[in-house]
Amino acid sequence: MDPKDVILHEVLFELQRVGSYVRVTAICARTNTEITMVGDPKVSERALKDAAMRKLKYVIAKNITKRDGGSITA
């Protein structure tokens, strides 16, 4: 499954400043899939959230493909 095909309806974000970086956690409310990444604190919050959403879509797509090759709307 292509990550572009994953539709996220509700995503919860947590951004936490840790020293010289920002720790971003994103959770898909429907699938309970969670990712964590780090980013540059000089980058906008929107850019950090967009990057986290791309990673979350990638992980969900990978899990779906690994599970059964099917499709789902997250």
Protein backbone atom coordinates (compact mmCIF):
# COMPACT_ATOMS: atom_id res chain seq x y z
CA MET A 1 0.00 0.00 0.00
CA ASP A 2 1.22 3.47 -0.82
CA PRO A 3 1.40 5.93 2.12
CA LYS A 4 -0.38 8.50 -0.08
CA ASP A 5 -3.47 6.26 0.01
CA VAL A 6 -3.71 6.42 3.82
CA ILE A 7 -6.31 8.92 5.00
CA LEU A 8 -5.87 10.15 8.56
CA HIS A 9 -9.05 11.45 10.16
CA GLU A 10 -7.74 12.31 13.61
CA VAL A 11 -4.12 12.58 14.72
CA LEU A 12 -2.95 13.55 18.18
CA PHE A 13 0.38 15.39 18.47
CA GLU A 14 2.79 16.06 21.29
CA LEU A 15 5.77 18.36 20.75
CA GLN A 16 8.35 18.50 23.49
CA ARG A 17 11.55 20.54 23.54
CA VAL A 18 14.47 18.34 24.64
CA GLY A 19 17.78 20.20 24.69
CA SER A 20 18.74 21.10 21.14
CA TYR A 21 15.87 19.27 19.40
CA VAL A 22 12.10 18.84 19.44
CA ARG A 23 10.61 15.40 20.10
CA VAL A 24 7.41 14.90 18.11
CA THR A 25 4.94 12.12 18.86
CA ALA A 26 1.95 11.50 16.58
CA ILE A 27 -0.84 9.00 17.22
CA CYS A 28 -3.57 7.93 14.81
CA ALA A 29 -6.73 7.89 16.94
CA ARG A 30 -8.42 5.24 14.79
CA THR A 31 -5.59 2.68 14.55
CA ASN A 32 -3.65 3.57 17.73
CA THR A 33 -0.48 3.63 15.63
CA GLU A 34 2.17 5.82 17.25
CA ILE A 35 5.38 7.28 15.84
CA THR A 36 8.10 9.35 17.43
CA MET A 37 10.63 11.51 15.63
CA VAL A 38 12.96 14.38 16.38
CA GLY A 39 13.24 17.67 14.58
CA ASP A 40 15.01 21.00 14.53
CA PRO A 41 13.44 23.55 16.92
CA LYS A 42 14.11 26.28 14.32
CA VAL A 43 11.55 24.65 11.99
CA SER A 44 7.90 25.68 12.31
CA GLU A 45 5.44 23.59 14.29
CA ARG A 46 3.44 23.03 11.09
CA ALA A 47 6.51 21.61 9.30
CA LEU A 48 7.22 19.26 12.23
CA LYS A 49 3.61 18.05 12.26
CA ASP A 50 3.63 17.55 8.49
CA ALA A 51 6.79 15.44 8.73
CA ALA A 52 5.25 13.40 11.57
CA MET A 53 2.09 12.84 9.49
CA ARG A 54 4.16 11.59 6.55
CA LYS A 55 5.99 9.15 8.83
CA LEU A 56 2.71 8.03 10.45
CA LYS A 57 1.17 7.36 7.01
CA TYR A 58 4.27 5.40 6.01
CA VAL A 59 4.13 3.23 9.14
CA ILE A 60 0.38 2.57 8.79
CA ALA A 61 0.79 1.65 5.10
CA LYS A 62 3.70 -0.65 5.94
CA ASN A 63 1.71 -2.36 8.71
CA ILE A 64 -1.28 -2.89 6.41
CA THR A 65 0.89 -4.30 3.63
CA LYS A 66 2.69 -6.58 6.04
CA ARG A 67 -0.54 -7.75 7.65
CA ASP A 68 -2.61 -8.66 4.62
CA GLY A 69 -1.92 -6.49 1.61
CA GLY A 70 -5.36 -4.96 2.05
CA SER A 71 -6.46 -1.38 2.29
CA ILE A 72 -7.84 0.67 5.14
CA THR A 73 -8.88 4.22 5.80
CA ALA A 74 -7.09 5.26 8.97
